Amino acid sequence: MTAQGRKILVADDEVPITCVMARKLERAGYTVLVAHDGEEALATARRERPDLVITDLQMPYLNGLDLSIALKQDPGTAQTPVIMLTARGYLLTEEQIRSTNIRHMQSKPFSAREILDRVTQIFGQPTGGAAEQAA
């Protein structure tokens, strides 16, 4: 499947980040959904069934890790891959990653091009496997 027809949910409480990522992904042909906190992201994911979720780790109401765990536990979103955005140097344990579908951890700051490249890579690979952690 090409970018056309694929939905990506971008969840971050920093509006400039969601705007830049949404613009870059939309220009690449993806349909982008935006949420500004973890609870909104979970509700949107359950309703819209995105093909990928990009989420910040530190968000209000429900953090990115808890969001990722909830997505994996829900039969409707259990296979949805996740890209986790984190503060530089913050790493998750292997146990935490195994309880999710996190495919990549991206440290902030990052470029929208890096995220687009990672999205392309994830869609080009079968889901499954351990997450890569960017330092």
N, C-alpha and C. Protein backbone atom coordinates (compact mmCIF):
# COMPACT_ATOMS: atom_id res chain seq x y z
N MET A 1 0.86 -1.19 0.00
CA MET A 1 0.00 0.00 0.00
C MET A 1 0.89 1.24 0.00
N THR A 2 0.60 2.19 -0.83
CA THR A 2 1.35 3.44 -0.89
C THR A 2 0.88 4.36 0.24
N ALA A 3 1.47 5.55 0.29
CA ALA A 3 1.06 6.53 1.30
C ALA A 3 -0.43 6.82 1.18
N GLN A 4 -0.93 6.85 -0.06
CA GLN A 4 -2.34 7.11 -0.27
C GLN A 4 -3.17 6.06 0.46
N GLY A 5 -4.10 6.51 1.24
CA GLY A 5 -4.96 5.59 1.95
C GLY A 5 -4.47 5.21 3.33
N ARG A 6 -3.25 5.57 3.67
CA ARG A 6 -2.73 5.27 5.01
C ARG A 6 -2.99 6.45 5.94
N LYS A 7 -3.45 6.11 7.16
CA LYS A 7 -3.73 7.11 8.18
C LYS A 7 -2.67 7.05 9.26
N ILE A 8 -2.19 8.22 9.65
CA ILE A 8 -1.21 8.33 10.72
C ILE A 8 -1.76 9.27 11.78
N LEU A 9 -1.74 8.81 13.03
CA LEU A 9 -2.13 9.63 14.16
C LEU A 9 -0.88 10.22 14.79
N VAL A 10 -0.82 11.55 14.88
CA VAL A 10 0.29 12.26 15.52
C VAL A 10 -0.23 12.82 16.84
N ALA A 11 0.38 12.39 17.96
CA ALA A 11 -0.06 12.82 19.28
C ALA A 11 1.10 13.47 20.03
N ASP A 12 0.95 14.76 20.29
CA ASP A 12 1.97 15.51 21.04
C ASP A 12 1.29 16.74 21.60
N ASP A 13 1.64 17.11 22.83
CA ASP A 13 1.03 18.29 23.43
C ASP A 13 1.72 19.58 22.99
N GLU A 14 2.78 19.48 22.19
CA GLU A 14 3.44 20.66 21.65
C GLU A 14 2.91 20.91 20.23
N VAL A 15 2.06 21.92 20.10
CA VAL A 15 1.38 22.21 18.84
C VAL A 15 2.35 22.42 17.69
N PRO A 16 3.48 23.13 17.87
CA PRO A 16 4.40 23.29 16.73
C PRO A 16 4.90 21.94 16.18
N ILE A 17 5.10 20.97 17.04
CA ILE A 17 5.57 19.66 16.59
C ILE A 17 4.49 18.96 15.77
N THR A 18 3.25 18.97 16.26
CA THR A 18 2.18 18.31 15.51
C THR A 18 1.96 19.00 14.17
N CYS A 19 2.06 20.32 14.13
CA CYS A 19 1.86 21.05 12.87
C CYS A 19 2.93 20.71 11.85
N VAL A 20 4.19 20.72 12.25
CA VAL A 20 5.28 20.42 11.33
C VAL A 20 5.20 18.99 10.83
N MET A 21 4.97 18.04 11.74
CA MET A 21 4.89 16.64 11.32
C MET A 21 3.68 16.40 10.43
N ALA A 22 2.53 16.97 10.79
CA ALA A 22 1.34 16.78 9.97
C ALA A 22 1.55 17.31 8.56
N ARG A 23 2.14 18.48 8.45
CA ARG A 23 2.39 19.08 7.14
C ARG A 23 3.32 18.20 6.30
N LYS A 24 4.39 17.71 6.89
CA LYS A 24 5.36 16.87 6.17
C LYS A 24 4.70 15.55 5.73
N LEU A 25 3.95 14.93 6.62
CA LEU A 25 3.30 13.65 6.29
C LEU A 25 2.20 13.83 5.24
N GLU A 26 1.43 14.91 5.35
CA GLU A 26 0.38 15.17 4.36
C GLU A 26 0.98 15.42 2.98
N ARG A 27 2.10 16.13 2.93
CA ARG A 27 2.76 16.37 1.63
C ARG A 27 3.26 15.07 1.02
N ALA A 28 3.53 14.08 1.86
CA ALA A 28 3.97 12.77 1.37
C ALA A 28 2.79 11.89 0.98
N GLY A 29 1.57 12.38 1.19
CA GLY A 29 0.39 11.64 0.75
C GLY A 29 -0.38 10.92 1.83
N TYR A 30 0.04 11.05 3.08
CA TYR A 30 -0.66 10.37 4.18
C TYR A 30 -1.84 11.21 4.67
N THR A 31 -2.85 10.55 5.20
CA THR A 31 -3.93 11.22 5.91
C THR A 31 -3.47 11.33 7.36
N VAL A 32 -3.53 12.53 7.93
CA VAL A 32 -3.00 12.74 9.27
C VAL A 32 -4.12 13.14 10.23
N LEU A 33 -4.14 12.46 11.36
CA LEU A 33 -5.02 12.78 12.47
C LEU A 33 -4.14 13.34 13.58
N VAL A 34 -4.63 14.32 14.33
CA VAL A 34 -3.82 14.96 15.37
C VAL A 34 -4.55 14.89 16.70
N ALA A 35 -3.78 14.60 17.76
CA ALA A 35 -4.29 14.63 19.13
C ALA A 35 -3.28 15.38 19.98
N HIS A 36 -3.76 16.07 21.02
CA HIS A 36 -2.88 16.89 21.83
C HIS A 36 -2.67 16.37 23.25
N ASP A 37 -3.23 15.21 23.55
CA ASP A 37 -2.94 14.53 24.81
C ASP A 37 -3.20 13.04 24.62
N GLY A 38 -2.78 12.25 25.59
CA GLY A 38 -2.88 10.81 25.46
C GLY A 38 -4.30 10.27 25.42
N GLU A 39 -5.19 10.85 26.22
CA GLU A 39 -6.58 10.38 26.20
C GLU A 39 -7.24 10.65 24.86
N GLU A 40 -7.01 11.83 24.32
CA GLU A 40 -7.56 12.16 23.00
C GLU A 40 -6.98 11.22 21.94
N ALA A 41 -5.68 10.93 22.05
CA ALA A 41 -5.03 10.03 21.10
C ALA A 41 -5.63 8.63 21.16
N LEU A 42 -5.87 8.12 22.35
CA LEU A 42 -6.44 6.78 22.49
C LEU A 42 -7.85 6.73 21.90
N ALA A 43 -8.66 7.73 22.21
CA ALA A 43 -10.03 7.77 21.67
C ALA A 43 -10.01 7.86 20.14
N THR A 44 -9.12 8.68 19.61
CA THR A 44 -9.01 8.84 18.16
C THR A 44 -8.55 7.54 17.51
N ALA A 45 -7.56 6.89 18.11
CA ALA A 45 -7.06 5.62 17.55
C ALA A 45 -8.13 4.55 17.56
N ARG A 46 -8.90 4.47 18.61
CA ARG A 46 -9.96 3.45 18.68
C ARG A 46 -11.06 3.73 17.66
N ARG A 47 -11.35 4.99 17.41
CA ARG A 47 -12.40 5.37 16.47
C ARG A 47 -11.92 5.29 15.02
N GLU A 48 -10.72 5.76 14.74
CA GLU A 48 -10.23 5.92 13.36
C GLU A 48 -9.35 4.79 12.86
N ARG A 49 -8.82 3.97 13.76
CA ARG A 49 -7.95 2.84 13.38
C ARG A 49 -6.81 3.27 12.45
N PRO A 50 -5.90 4.13 12.94
CA PRO A 50 -4.79 4.56 12.09
C PRO A 50 -3.85 3.40 11.76
N ASP A 51 -3.08 3.56 10.70
CA ASP A 51 -2.10 2.56 10.29
C ASP A 51 -0.80 2.70 11.09
N LEU A 52 -0.61 3.85 11.74
CA LEU A 52 0.59 4.13 12.52
C LEU A 52 0.27 5.23 13.51
N VAL A 53 0.89 5.18 14.69
CA VAL A 53 0.76 6.24 15.68
C VAL A 53 2.16 6.79 15.96
N ILE A 54 2.29 8.11 15.92
CA ILE A 54 3.50 8.80 16.35
C ILE A 54 3.12 9.57 17.59
N THR A 55 3.77 9.26 18.72
CA THR A 55 3.37 9.88 19.98
C THR A 55 4.56 10.32 20.81
N ASP A 56 4.35 11.40 21.53
CA ASP A 56 5.34 11.86 22.50
C ASP A 56 5.23 10.99 23.74
N LEU A 57 6.33 10.78 24.41
CA LEU A 57 6.30 10.01 25.65
C LEU A 57 5.62 10.81 26.76
N GLN A 58 5.99 12.07 26.90
CA GLN A 58 5.48 12.89 27.99
C GLN A 58 4.33 13.75 27.50
N MET A 59 3.11 13.29 27.84
CA MET A 59 1.90 14.03 27.47
C MET A 59 0.96 14.04 28.67
N PRO A 60 0.05 15.02 28.70
CA PRO A 60 -0.92 15.05 29.79
C PRO A 60 -1.96 13.94 29.69
N TYR A 61 -2.53 13.60 30.83
CA TYR A 61 -3.66 12.68 30.99
C TYR A 61 -3.29 11.22 30.78
N LEU A 62 -2.54 10.91 29.76
CA LEU A 62 -2.10 9.54 29.48
C LEU A 62 -0.78 9.68 28.73
N ASN A 63 0.31 9.18 29.33
CA ASN A 63 1.59 9.36 28.65
C ASN A 63 1.71 8.41 27.47
N GLY A 64 2.74 8.62 26.65
CA GLY A 64 2.90 7.85 25.43
C GLY A 64 3.11 6.36 25.67
N LEU A 65 3.79 6.00 26.75
CA LEU A 65 3.98 4.58 27.05
C LEU A 65 2.64 3.93 27.40
N ASP A 66 1.87 4.57 28.27
CA ASP A 66 0.56 4.01 28.63
C ASP A 66 -0.38 3.97 27.43
N LEU A 67 -0.29 4.97 26.56
CA LEU A 67 -1.06 4.96 25.32
C LEU A 67 -0.67 3.76 24.47
N SER A 68 0.62 3.53 24.32
CA SER A 68 1.10 2.40 23.50
C SER A 68 0.67 1.06 24.07
N ILE A 69 0.69 0.93 25.39
CA ILE A 69 0.23 -0.30 26.04
C ILE A 69 -1.27 -0.50 25.79
N ALA A 70 -2.04 0.58 25.96
CA ALA A 70 -3.50 0.49 25.74
C ALA A 70 -3.81 0.12 24.29
N LEU A 71 -3.06 0.66 23.34
CA LEU A 71 -3.28 0.33 21.94
C LEU A 71 -3.02 -1.15 21.69
N LYS A 72 -1.96 -1.69 22.27
CA LYS A 72 -1.65 -3.10 22.05
C LYS A 72 -2.68 -4.02 22.70
N GLN A 73 -3.28 -3.58 23.79
CA GLN A 73 -4.26 -4.40 24.51
C GLN A 73 -5.64 -4.38 23.87
N ASP A 74 -5.90 -3.41 23.00
CA ASP A 74 -7.20 -3.28 22.34
C ASP A 74 -7.15 -4.10 21.04
N PRO A 75 -8.06 -5.06 20.86
CA PRO A 75 -8.04 -5.88 19.65
C PRO A 75 -8.09 -5.06 18.35
N GLY A 76 -8.74 -3.93 18.35
CA GLY A 76 -8.86 -3.12 17.15
C GLY A 76 -7.59 -2.37 16.78
N THR A 77 -6.68 -2.18 17.74
CA THR A 77 -5.45 -1.44 17.47
C THR A 77 -4.21 -2.24 17.88
N ALA A 78 -4.39 -3.50 18.17
CA ALA A 78 -3.30 -4.33 18.71
C ALA A 78 -2.11 -4.46 17.78
N GLN A 79 -2.31 -4.31 16.48
CA GLN A 79 -1.21 -4.45 15.52
C GLN A 79 -0.67 -3.11 15.03
N THR A 80 -1.18 -2.01 15.56
CA THR A 80 -0.78 -0.68 15.10
C THR A 80 0.63 -0.34 15.58
N PRO A 81 1.57 -0.11 14.65
CA PRO A 81 2.92 0.25 15.07
C PRO A 81 2.97 1.67 15.63
N VAL A 82 3.97 1.91 16.49
CA VAL A 82 4.12 3.19 17.17
C VAL A 82 5.56 3.70 17.01
N ILE A 83 5.68 4.99 16.76
CA ILE A 83 6.95 5.69 16.86
C ILE A 83 6.84 6.56 18.11
N MET A 84 7.79 6.40 19.04
CA MET A 84 7.77 7.15 20.30
C MET A 84 8.79 8.28 20.24
N LEU A 85 8.33 9.49 20.52
CA LEU A 85 9.19 10.66 20.59
C LEU A 85 9.56 10.89 22.05
N THR A 86 10.85 11.11 22.32
CA THR A 86 11.29 11.25 23.71
C THR A 86 12.28 12.40 23.86
N ALA A 87 12.43 12.83 25.10
CA ALA A 87 13.50 13.77 25.41
C ALA A 87 14.83 13.04 25.20
N ARG A 88 15.83 13.76 24.77
CA ARG A 88 17.13 13.14 24.47
C ARG A 88 17.62 12.33 25.66
N GLY A 89 18.03 11.11 25.36
CA GLY A 89 18.61 10.25 26.39
C GLY A 89 17.62 9.41 27.16
N TYR A 90 16.33 9.61 26.97
CA TYR A 90 15.36 8.82 27.71
C TYR A 90 15.12 7.51 26.96
N LEU A 91 15.37 6.41 27.62
CA LEU A 91 15.22 5.11 27.00
C LEU A 91 14.19 4.28 27.77
N LEU A 92 13.49 3.44 27.08
CA LEU A 92 12.57 2.50 27.71
C LEU A 92 13.28 1.16 27.89
N THR A 93 12.83 0.39 28.85
CA THR A 93 13.41 -0.93 29.06
C THR A 93 12.85 -1.89 28.01
N GLU A 94 13.54 -3.00 27.81
CA GLU A 94 13.05 -4.03 26.88
C GLU A 94 11.68 -4.53 27.32
N GLU A 95 11.47 -4.66 28.62
CA GLU A 95 10.17 -5.12 29.13
C GLU A 95 9.06 -4.13 28.76
N GLN A 96 9.34 -2.84 28.91
CA GLN A 96 8.35 -1.83 28.53
C GLN A 96 8.05 -1.91 27.04
N ILE A 97 9.07 -2.04 26.24
CA ILE A 97 8.88 -2.10 24.78
C ILE A 97 8.10 -3.35 24.38
N ARG A 98 8.36 -4.48 25.03
CA ARG A 98 7.64 -5.72 24.70
C ARG A 98 6.14 -5.61 24.96
N SER A 99 5.74 -4.73 25.87
CA SER A 99 4.32 -4.58 26.18
C SER A 99 3.62 -3.63 25.20
N THR A 100 4.34 -3.22 24.16
CA THR A 100 3.80 -2.25 23.19
C THR A 100 4.11 -2.70 21.76
N ASN A 101 3.71 -1.86 20.81
CA ASN A 101 4.10 -2.04 19.40
C ASN A 101 5.04 -0.93 18.96
N ILE A 102 5.86 -0.44 19.90
CA ILE A 102 6.82 0.61 19.56
C ILE A 102 7.86 0.02 18.61
N ARG A 103 8.00 0.64 17.45
CA ARG A 103 8.96 0.19 16.44
C ARG A 103 10.22 1.04 16.42
N HIS A 104 10.10 2.28 16.94
CA HIS A 104 11.26 3.17 16.93
C HIS A 104 11.08 4.22 18.02
N MET A 105 12.19 4.56 18.68
CA MET A 105 12.20 5.66 19.64
C MET A 105 13.05 6.77 19.02
N GLN A 106 12.46 7.96 18.92
CA GLN A 106 13.15 9.10 18.31
C GLN A 106 13.35 10.19 19.34
N SER A 107 14.62 10.55 19.58
CA SER A 107 14.92 11.62 20.52
C SER A 107 14.63 12.98 19.91
N LYS A 108 14.16 13.89 20.76
CA LYS A 108 13.98 15.29 20.36
C LYS A 108 15.29 16.00 20.64
N PRO A 109 15.68 16.98 19.86
CA PRO A 109 15.00 17.45 18.65
C PRO A 109 15.26 16.50 17.48
N PHE A 110 14.38 16.57 16.49
CA PHE A 110 14.50 15.75 15.30
C PHE A 110 13.97 16.56 14.13
N SER A 111 14.24 16.09 12.94
CA SER A 111 13.69 16.76 11.76
C SER A 111 12.46 15.99 11.29
N ALA A 112 11.55 16.69 10.67
CA ALA A 112 10.36 16.04 10.11
C ALA A 112 10.78 15.03 9.04
N ARG A 113 11.89 15.28 8.37
CA ARG A 113 12.39 14.35 7.36
C ARG A 113 12.78 13.02 8.00
N GLU A 114 13.40 13.07 9.20
CA GLU A 114 13.76 11.84 9.91
C GLU A 114 12.52 11.00 10.21
N ILE A 115 11.46 11.68 10.63
CA ILE A 115 10.22 10.96 10.94
C ILE A 115 9.62 10.36 9.67
N LEU A 116 9.59 11.13 8.59
CA LEU A 116 9.07 10.62 7.32
C LEU A 116 9.87 9.40 6.86
N ASP A 117 11.19 9.46 6.99
CA ASP A 117 12.03 8.32 6.61
C ASP A 117 11.70 7.10 7.46
N ARG A 118 11.48 7.30 8.74
CA ARG A 118 11.16 6.18 9.64
C ARG A 118 9.78 5.61 9.30
N VAL A 119 8.82 6.47 9.02
CA VAL A 119 7.49 6.02 8.62
C VAL A 119 7.58 5.15 7.37
N THR A 120 8.32 5.62 6.38
CA THR A 120 8.50 4.86 5.14
C THR A 120 9.13 3.51 5.43
N GLN A 121 10.11 3.50 6.30
CA GLN A 121 10.77 2.24 6.66
C GLN A 121 9.81 1.29 7.36
N ILE A 122 9.03 1.79 8.29
CA ILE A 122 8.08 0.94 9.03
C ILE A 122 7.05 0.35 8.08
N PHE A 123 6.52 1.15 7.18
CA PHE A 123 5.52 0.64 6.25
C PHE A 123 6.13 -0.33 5.23
N GLY A 124 7.43 -0.24 5.04
CA GLY A 124 8.10 -1.16 4.12
C GLY A 124 8.50 -2.47 4.75
N GLN A 125 8.34 -2.56 6.08
CA GLN A 125 8.73 -3.76 6.80
C GLN A 125 7.50 -4.40 7.41
N PRO A 126 7.56 -5.70 7.63
CA PRO A 126 6.47 -6.34 8.37
C PRO A 126 6.49 -5.85 9.81
N THR A 127 5.31 -5.73 10.42
CA THR A 127 5.28 -5.32 11.82
C THR A 127 5.82 -6.44 12.67
N GLY A 128 6.38 -6.06 13.81
CA GLY A 128 6.98 -7.03 14.72
C GLY A 128 8.45 -6.71 14.89
N GLY A 129 9.01 -7.18 15.98
CA GLY A 129 10.41 -6.95 16.24
C GLY A 129 10.61 -5.87 17.28
N ALA A 130 11.83 -5.79 17.76
CA ALA A 130 12.15 -4.83 18.83
C ALA A 130 12.28 -3.43 18.27
N ALA A 131 12.05 -2.47 19.15
CA ALA A 131 12.16 -1.07 18.77
C ALA A 131 13.62 -0.66 18.69
N GLU A 132 13.91 0.22 17.75
CA GLU A 132 15.23 0.83 17.70
C GLU A 132 15.15 2.09 18.54
N GLN A 133 16.19 2.35 19.30
CA GLN A 133 16.21 3.56 20.12
C GLN A 133 17.25 4.50 19.58
N ALA A 134 16.81 5.69 19.16
CA ALA A 134 17.72 6.72 18.67
C ALA A 134 18.29 7.47 19.85
N ALA A 135 19.57 7.64 19.90
CA ALA A 135 20.20 8.34 21.02
C ALA A 135 20.26 9.82 20.76
